[in-house]
């Protein structure tokens, strides 16, 4: 859920939003409650489809696939009828550098950074076009102690999206960053 709270494209997340009724191959009535529903904010170009999803460990999925398959088929049919998508997420999709970055940046997201410092950082980054956090800090400050004091501001600005970077790659002091917001 950390990933969803951090994603600015997510409008709403609902855990266990509904129960789907279906009939199995033997004719018995069954129910299935998916783990969640993600609804996305519309963009200028499109209205992204909502995603009904289940989270399973790969080992559990392999072990229980015969019991899970009818549930997932019912969910897929249910979603198709509503113009949604159904996805099964495993640790392969979740335990990624993006999750590591979200966990690292999360404490910085709501931290206060003065508007003056944000403007100074963005103006410098606009002048540089693209840099990495280390180079940006050197451009902003002459002394190591002042650079150290500005590091949380840079992480905050990445966490809030005013500084862009590829969060799908491990975030380091050498990661390429750029200004996403005007000064």
C-alpha atoms as a PDB file:
ATOM      1  CA  UNK A   1       0.000   0.000   0.000  1.00  0.00           C
ATOM      2  CA  UNK A   2       3.027   2.251   0.395  1.00  0.00           C
ATOM      3  CA  UNK A   3       3.384   2.216  -3.368  1.00  0.00           C
ATOM      4  CA  UNK A   4      -0.189   3.414  -3.865  1.00  0.00           C
ATOM      5  CA  UNK A   5      -0.011   6.182  -1.254  1.00  0.00           C
ATOM      6  CA  UNK A   6       3.135   7.501  -2.918  1.00  0.00           C
ATOM      7  CA  UNK A   7       1.834   7.381  -6.506  1.00  0.00           C
ATOM      8  CA  UNK A   8       0.437  10.780  -7.532  1.00  0.00           C
ATOM      9  CA  UNK A   9      -1.575   9.193 -10.361  1.00  0.00           C
ATOM     10  CA  UNK A  10      -3.714   7.228  -7.867  1.00  0.00           C
ATOM     11  CA  UNK A  11      -6.989   8.957  -7.063  1.00  0.00           C
ATOM     12  CA  UNK A  12      -8.378   6.353  -4.691  1.00  0.00           C
ATOM     13  CA  UNK A  13      -7.461   2.969  -3.268  1.00  0.00           C
ATOM     14  CA  UNK A  14     -10.136   0.752  -1.747  1.00  0.00           C
ATOM     15  CA  UNK A  15      -9.138  -2.432   0.116  1.00  0.00           C
ATOM     16  CA  UNK A  16     -11.386  -5.461  -0.478  1.00  0.00           C
ATOM     17  CA  UNK A  17     -13.886  -3.333  -2.394  1.00  0.00           C
ATOM     18  CA  UNK A  18     -16.395  -6.025  -3.364  1.00  0.00           C
ATOM     19  CA  UNK A  19     -17.232  -9.698  -3.432  1.00  0.00           C
ATOM     20  CA  UNK A  20     -17.709 -11.477  -6.749  1.00  0.00           C
ATOM     21  CA  UNK A  21     -20.168 -14.353  -6.969  1.00  0.00           C
ATOM     22  CA  UNK A  22     -19.496 -17.084  -9.521  1.00  0.00           C
ATOM     23  CA  UNK A  23     -20.299 -20.705 -10.257  1.00  0.00           C
ATOM     24  CA  UNK A  24     -17.408 -23.162 -10.324  1.00  0.00           C
ATOM     25  CA  UNK A  25     -16.968 -26.064 -12.766  1.00  0.00           C
ATOM     26  CA  UNK A  26     -18.930 -28.411 -10.523  1.00  0.00           C
ATOM     27  CA  UNK A  27     -21.897 -26.000 -10.460  1.00  0.00           C
ATOM     28  CA  UNK A  28     -21.372 -24.762  -6.899  1.00  0.00           C
ATOM     29  CA  UNK A  29     -21.874 -21.102  -6.025  1.00  0.00           C
ATOM     30  CA  UNK A  30     -18.656 -19.487  -4.866  1.00  0.00           C
ATOM     31  CA  UNK A  31     -17.477 -16.044  -3.848  1.00  0.00           C
ATOM     32  CA  UNK A  32     -14.190 -14.243  -4.243  1.00  0.00           C
ATOM     33  CA  UNK A  33     -13.094 -10.978  -2.609  1.00  0.00           C
ATOM     34  CA  UNK A  34     -10.126  -9.341  -4.381  1.00  0.00           C
ATOM     35  CA  UNK A  35      -7.510  -7.517  -2.309  1.00  0.00           C
ATOM     36  CA  UNK A  36      -8.137  -4.045  -3.683  1.00  0.00           C
ATOM     37  CA  UNK A  37      -9.283  -1.569  -6.308  1.00  0.00           C
ATOM     38  CA  UNK A  38      -7.094   1.239  -7.622  1.00  0.00           C
ATOM     39  CA  UNK A  39      -8.726   4.209  -9.342  1.00  0.00           C
ATOM     40  CA  UNK A  40      -6.512   6.657 -11.190  1.00  0.00           C
ATOM     41  CA  UNK A  41      -6.737  10.385 -11.798  1.00  0.00           C
ATOM     42  CA  UNK A  42      -7.636  11.286 -15.366  1.00  0.00           C
ATOM     43  CA  UNK A  43      -4.876  12.769 -17.491  1.00  0.00           C
ATOM     44  CA  UNK A  44      -5.147  15.182 -20.398  1.00  0.00           C
ATOM     45  CA  UNK A  45      -4.830  12.271 -22.822  1.00  0.00           C
ATOM     46  CA  UNK A  46      -6.812   9.501 -21.166  1.00  0.00           C
ATOM     47  CA  UNK A  47      -8.904   8.157 -18.341  1.00  0.00           C
ATOM     48  CA  UNK A  48      -6.844   5.205 -17.035  1.00  0.00           C
ATOM     49  CA  UNK A  49      -8.845   2.062 -16.340  1.00  0.00           C
ATOM     50  CA  UNK A  50      -9.447   1.112 -12.710  1.00  0.00           C
ATOM     51  CA  UNK A  51      -7.489  -1.957 -11.598  1.00  0.00           C
ATOM     52  CA  UNK A  52      -9.038  -4.632  -9.418  1.00  0.00           C
ATOM     53  CA  UNK A  53      -6.166  -6.658  -7.987  1.00  0.00           C
ATOM     54  CA  UNK A  54      -4.973  -9.574  -5.920  1.00  0.00           C
ATOM     55  CA  UNK A  55      -1.591  -9.859  -4.216  1.00  0.00           C
ATOM     56  CA  UNK A  56      -0.070 -13.327  -3.941  1.00  0.00           C
ATOM     57  CA  UNK A  57       3.359 -14.720  -3.215  1.00  0.00           C
ATOM     58  CA  UNK A  58       4.634 -16.571  -6.274  1.00  0.00           C
ATOM     59  CA  UNK A  59       5.120 -19.751  -4.231  1.00  0.00           C
ATOM     60  CA  UNK A  60       1.495 -19.612  -3.015  1.00  0.00           C
ATOM     61  CA  UNK A  61       0.284 -18.898  -6.534  1.00  0.00           C
ATOM     62  CA  UNK A  62       2.148 -21.936  -7.893  1.00  0.00           C
ATOM     63  CA  UNK A  63       0.980 -24.144  -5.022  1.00  0.00           C
ATOM     64  CA  UNK A  64      -2.714 -23.081  -5.145  1.00  0.00           C
ATOM     65  CA  UNK A  65      -3.161 -22.212  -8.829  1.00  0.00           C
ATOM     66  CA  UNK A  66      -5.959 -24.769  -9.386  1.00  0.00           C
ATOM     67  CA  UNK A  67      -8.089 -23.205  -6.642  1.00  0.00           C
ATOM     68  CA  UNK A  68      -7.172 -19.635  -7.621  1.00  0.00           C
ATOM     69  CA  UNK A  69      -7.736 -19.890 -11.367  1.00  0.00           C
ATOM     70  CA  UNK A  70     -11.583 -19.970 -11.244  1.00  0.00           C
ATOM     71  CA  UNK A  71     -11.585 -16.972  -8.887  1.00  0.00           C
ATOM     72  CA  UNK A  72      -9.267 -15.013 -11.142  1.00  0.00           C
ATOM     73  CA  UNK A  73     -11.320 -15.901 -14.235  1.00  0.00           C
ATOM     74  CA  UNK A  74     -14.465 -14.670 -12.468  1.00  0.00           C
ATOM     75  CA  UNK A  75     -12.664 -11.451 -11.526  1.00  0.00           C
ATOM     76  CA  UNK A  76     -11.440 -10.971 -15.101  1.00  0.00           C
ATOM     77  CA  UNK A  77     -14.980 -11.428 -16.460  1.00  0.00           C
ATOM     78  CA  UNK A  78     -16.345  -9.075 -13.801  1.00  0.00           C
ATOM     79  CA  UNK A  79     -13.779  -6.420 -14.738  1.00  0.00           C
ATOM     80  CA  UNK A  80     -14.328  -6.825 -18.467  1.00  0.00           C
ATOM     81  CA  UNK A  81     -18.028  -6.055 -17.972  1.00  0.00           C
ATOM     82  CA  UNK A  82     -17.165  -2.797 -16.210  1.00  0.00           C
ATOM     83  CA  UNK A  83     -14.301  -1.608 -18.370  1.00  0.00           C
ATOM     84  CA  UNK A  84     -11.748  -2.368 -15.638  1.00  0.00           C
ATOM     85  CA  UNK A  85      -8.591  -4.466 -15.574  1.00  0.00           C
ATOM     86  CA  UNK A  86      -7.804  -7.346 -13.242  1.00  0.00           C
ATOM     87  CA  UNK A  87      -4.192  -7.885 -12.175  1.00  0.00           C
ATOM     88  CA  UNK A  88      -2.390 -10.325  -9.922  1.00  0.00           C
ATOM     89  CA  UNK A  89       0.681  -8.796  -8.308  1.00  0.00           C
ATOM     90  CA  UNK A  90       3.477 -10.879  -6.813  1.00  0.00           C
ATOM     91  CA  UNK A  91       6.657  -9.969  -4.979  1.00  0.00           C
ATOM     92  CA  UNK A  92       8.298  -9.722  -8.413  1.00  0.00           C
ATOM     93  CA  UNK A  93       6.167  -6.653  -9.252  1.00  0.00           C
ATOM     94  CA  UNK A  94       6.228  -5.227  -5.730  1.00  0.00           C
ATOM     95  CA  UNK A  95       9.719  -5.794  -4.330  1.00  0.00           C
ATOM     96  CA  UNK A  96      11.531  -3.519  -6.747  1.00  0.00           C
ATOM     97  CA  UNK A  97      13.895  -0.545  -6.592  1.00  0.00           C
ATOM     98  CA  UNK A  98      10.748   1.608  -6.791  1.00  0.00           C
ATOM     99  CA  UNK A  99       9.518   0.191  -3.462  1.00  0.00           C
ATOM    100  CA  UNK A 100      12.951   0.727  -1.898  1.00  0.00           C
ATOM    101  CA  UNK A 101      12.883   4.339  -3.105  1.00  0.00           C
ATOM    102  CA  UNK A 102       9.354   4.895  -1.788  1.00  0.00           C
ATOM    103  CA  UNK A 103      10.350   3.536   1.628  1.00  0.00           C
ATOM    104  CA  UNK A 104      13.393   5.804   1.643  1.00  0.00           C
ATOM    105  CA  UNK A 105      11.549   8.940   0.449  1.00  0.00           C
ATOM    106  CA  UNK A 106       8.348   8.491   2.472  1.00  0.00           C
ATOM    107  CA  UNK A 107       9.671  10.204   5.661  1.00  0.00           C
ATOM    108  CA  UNK A 108      10.687  13.229   3.568  1.00  0.00           C
ATOM    109  CA  UNK A 109       7.356  13.652   1.764  1.00  0.00           C
ATOM    110  CA  UNK A 110       5.606  15.728   4.447  1.00  0.00           C
ATOM    111  CA  UNK A 111       8.700  17.446   5.790  1.00  0.00           C
ATOM    112  CA  UNK A 112       8.603  21.258   5.721  1.00  0.00           C
ATOM    113  CA  UNK A 113      11.019  22.958   3.351  1.00  0.00           C
ATOM    114  CA  UNK A 114      10.824  26.731   3.155  1.00  0.00           C
ATOM    115  CA  UNK A 115       9.597  28.192  -0.138  1.00  0.00           C
ATOM    116  CA  UNK A 116      12.841  30.199  -0.368  1.00  0.00           C
ATOM    117  CA  UNK A 117      14.995  27.062  -0.252  1.00  0.00           C
ATOM    118  CA  UNK A 118      12.731  25.278  -2.749  1.00  0.00           C
ATOM    119  CA  UNK A 119      13.002  28.233  -5.135  1.00  0.00           C
ATOM    120  CA  UNK A 120      16.787  28.356  -4.774  1.00  0.00           C
ATOM    121  CA  UNK A 121      17.100  24.613  -5.430  1.00  0.00           C
ATOM    122  CA  UNK A 122      14.776  24.732  -8.453  1.00  0.00           C
ATOM    123  CA  UNK A 123      16.451  27.812  -9.963  1.00  0.00           C
ATOM    124  CA  UNK A 124      19.847  26.144  -9.680  1.00  0.00           C
ATOM    125  CA  UNK A 125      18.534  22.887 -11.114  1.00  0.00           C
ATOM    126  CA  UNK A 126      16.845  24.719 -14.017  1.00  0.00           C
ATOM    127  CA  UNK A 127      20.198  26.384 -14.772  1.00  0.00           C
ATOM    128  CA  UNK A 128      21.949  22.996 -14.688  1.00  0.00           C
ATOM    129  CA  UNK A 129      19.211  21.338 -16.799  1.00  0.00           C
ATOM    130  CA  UNK A 130      20.036  17.891 -15.380  1.00  0.00           C
ATOM    131  CA  UNK A 131      22.370  16.968 -12.551  1.00  0.00           C
ATOM    132  CA  UNK A 132      22.657  14.480  -9.733  1.00  0.00           C
ATOM    133  CA  UNK A 133      22.005  15.291  -6.057  1.00  0.00           C
ATOM    134  CA  UNK A 134      25.728  15.479  -5.287  1.00  0.00           C
ATOM    135  CA  UNK A 135      26.474  17.927  -8.120  1.00  0.00           C
ATOM    136  CA  UNK A 136      23.386  20.010  -7.287  1.00  0.00           C
ATOM    137  CA  UNK A 137      24.488  20.295  -3.653  1.00  0.00           C
ATOM    138  CA  UNK A 138      27.965  21.401  -4.760  1.00  0.00           C
ATOM    139  CA  UNK A 139      26.377  24.035  -7.005  1.00  0.00           C
ATOM    140  CA  UNK A 140      24.195  25.271  -4.139  1.00  0.00           C
ATOM    141  CA  UNK A 141      26.681  25.279  -1.238  1.00  0.00           C
ATOM    142  CA  UNK A 142      30.391  25.730  -0.724  1.00  0.00           C
ATOM    143  CA  UNK A 143      30.757  23.913   2.595  1.00  0.00           C
ATOM    144  CA  UNK A 144      30.065  20.236   3.358  1.00  0.00           C
ATOM    145  CA  UNK A 145      28.014  21.153   6.444  1.00  0.00           C
ATOM    146  CA  UNK A 146      25.676  23.374   4.393  1.00  0.00           C
ATOM    147  CA  UNK A 147      25.360  20.631   1.763  1.00  0.00           C
ATOM    148  CA  UNK A 148      24.418  18.144   4.485  1.00  0.00           C
ATOM    149  CA  UNK A 149      21.674  20.482   5.704  1.00  0.00           C
ATOM    150  CA  UNK A 150      20.172  20.681   2.193  1.00  0.00           C
ATOM    151  CA  UNK A 151      20.058  16.933   1.506  1.00  0.00           C
ATOM    152  CA  UNK A 152      16.644  16.483   3.222  1.00  0.00           C
ATOM    153  CA  UNK A 153      15.229  19.340   1.117  1.00  0.00           C
ATOM    154  CA  UNK A 154      16.279  17.584  -2.090  1.00  0.00           C
ATOM    155  CA  UNK A 155      14.771  14.273  -0.950  1.00  0.00           C
ATOM    156  CA  UNK A 156      11.563  16.122  -0.012  1.00  0.00           C
ATOM    157  CA  UNK A 157      11.392  17.743  -3.440  1.00  0.00           C
ATOM    158  CA  UNK A 158      11.901  14.374  -5.153  1.00  0.00           C
ATOM    159  CA  UNK A 159       9.240  12.807  -2.905  1.00  0.00           C
ATOM    160  CA  UNK A 160       6.730  15.535  -3.766  1.00  0.00           C
ATOM    161  CA  UNK A 161       7.527  15.558  -7.483  1.00  0.00           C
ATOM    162  CA  UNK A 162       8.967  19.056  -7.852  1.00  0.00           C
ATOM    163  CA  UNK A 163      12.272  17.381  -8.739  1.00  0.00           C
ATOM    164  CA  UNK A 164      12.035  14.479 -11.154  1.00  0.00           C
ATOM    165  CA  UNK A 165      14.084  11.299 -11.299  1.00  0.00           C
ATOM    166  CA  UNK A 166      13.682   7.686 -12.369  1.00  0.00           C
ATOM    167  CA  UNK A 167      12.328   6.026  -9.253  1.00  0.00           C
ATOM    168  CA  UNK A 168      12.448   2.642 -10.989  1.00  0.00           C
ATOM    169  CA  UNK A 169      16.241   2.710 -10.625  1.00  0.00           C
ATOM    170  CA  UNK A 170      18.022   2.736  -7.254  1.00  0.00           C
ATOM    171  CA  UNK A 171      18.123   6.299  -5.900  1.00  0.00           C
ATOM    172  CA  UNK A 172      21.643   7.460  -5.052  1.00  0.00           C
ATOM    173  CA  UNK A 173      23.594  10.689  -4.840  1.00  0.00           C
ATOM    174  CA  UNK A 174      24.547   9.997  -8.488  1.00  0.00           C
ATOM    175  CA  UNK A 175      21.021   9.489  -9.853  1.00  0.00           C
ATOM    176  CA  UNK A 176      20.079  11.901 -12.659  1.00  0.00           C
ATOM    177  CA  UNK A 177      17.573  14.525 -11.454  1.00  0.00           C
ATOM    178  CA  UNK A 178      15.820  17.454 -13.140  1.00  0.00           C
ATOM    179  CA  UNK A 179      13.350  20.198 -12.265  1.00  0.00           C
ATOM    180  CA  UNK A 180       9.704  19.228 -12.750  1.00  0.00           C
ATOM    181  CA  UNK A 181       8.234  22.415 -11.327  1.00  0.00           C
ATOM    182  CA  UNK A 182       8.739  26.043 -12.278  1.00  0.00           C
ATOM    183  CA  UNK A 183      10.450  28.302  -9.756  1.00  0.00           C
END
